[in-house]
Amino acid sequence: MEELLAHDADPTVLDALGRSAVHWACENGSDEIVKLLVQEEGVDYLTKRDKRGMTAMDLVRRRSKLQ
């Protein structure tokens, strides 16, 4: 992830589900990647919702309930 960000990859790009990299990192428990992403300008993990209405933080909460 660091290499991608160093080469100007846009961490705010959304996929077909309306999710950004921070959504996927949060859902998959990739804590180190989450830490990198939230430092990037424009990454919104609190209010940006995917097509199901979930924020990245919602995905963290859901994952923690499943564990």
Protein backbone atom coordinates (compact mmCIF):
# COMPACT_ATOMS: atom_id res chain seq x y z
CA MET A 1 0.00 0.00 0.00
CA GLU A 2 2.83 2.39 0.84
CA GLU A 3 4.27 1.89 -2.65
CA LEU A 4 0.94 2.62 -4.29
CA LEU A 5 0.43 5.77 -2.27
CA ALA A 6 4.00 6.87 -3.00
CA HIS A 7 3.16 6.64 -6.71
CA ASP A 8 0.03 8.79 -6.33
CA ALA A 9 -2.58 6.04 -6.24
CA ASP A 10 -5.90 7.62 -5.27
CA PRO A 11 -7.18 5.97 -2.06
CA THR A 12 -10.59 7.60 -2.47
CA VAL A 13 -11.52 5.76 -5.70
CA LEU A 14 -14.72 3.74 -5.30
CA ASP A 15 -15.45 0.29 -6.69
CA ALA A 16 -18.77 -1.01 -8.02
CA LEU A 17 -20.02 -1.47 -4.43
CA GLY A 18 -19.24 2.15 -3.61
CA ARG A 19 -16.33 1.11 -1.38
CA SER A 20 -12.90 2.67 -1.15
CA ALA A 21 -9.68 1.03 -0.03
CA VAL A 22 -10.37 2.03 3.57
CA HIS A 23 -13.72 0.20 3.50
CA TRP A 24 -11.99 -3.00 2.38
CA ALA A 25 -9.10 -2.64 4.80
CA CYS A 26 -11.50 -2.11 7.71
CA GLU A 27 -13.71 -5.03 6.74
CA ASN A 28 -10.73 -7.36 6.42
CA GLY A 29 -8.99 -6.29 9.62
CA SER A 30 -5.95 -4.86 7.85
CA ASP A 31 -5.06 -2.48 10.66
CA GLU A 32 -1.71 -1.35 9.28
CA ILE A 33 -3.29 -0.46 5.94
CA VAL A 34 -6.11 1.39 7.69
CA LYS A 35 -3.51 3.44 9.59
CA LEU A 36 -1.81 4.40 6.32
CA LEU A 37 -5.05 5.25 4.54
CA VAL A 38 -6.61 7.45 7.21
CA GLN A 39 -3.54 9.69 7.07
CA GLU A 40 -4.21 10.41 3.40
CA GLU A 41 -6.05 13.58 2.45
CA GLY A 42 -9.67 13.01 1.50
CA VAL A 43 -10.05 9.53 3.02
CA ASP A 44 -13.38 9.55 4.85
CA TYR A 45 -13.85 6.56 7.12
CA LEU A 46 -16.53 8.08 9.32
CA THR A 47 -19.24 9.33 6.97
CA LYS A 48 -18.63 7.99 3.41
CA ARG A 49 -21.17 5.23 2.86
CA ASP A 50 -21.04 2.39 0.37
CA LYS A 51 -24.07 1.30 -1.69
CA ARG A 52 -25.36 -0.69 1.30
CA GLY A 53 -25.17 2.39 3.52
CA MET A 54 -22.13 1.19 5.47
CA THR A 55 -19.23 3.41 6.52
CA ALA A 56 -15.77 1.93 7.05
CA MET A 57 -16.34 2.22 10.79
CA ASP A 58 -19.62 0.29 10.45
CA LEU A 59 -17.64 -2.51 8.81
CA VAL A 60 -15.17 -2.54 11.72
CA ARG A 61 -18.03 -2.80 14.21
CA ARG A 62 -19.68 -5.59 12.23
CA ARG A 63 -16.41 -7.53 11.99
CA SER A 64 -15.77 -7.20 15.72
CA LYS A 65 -19.22 -8.62 16.48
CA LEU A 66 -18.51 -11.65 14.28
CA GLN A 67 -15.21 -12.50 15.99
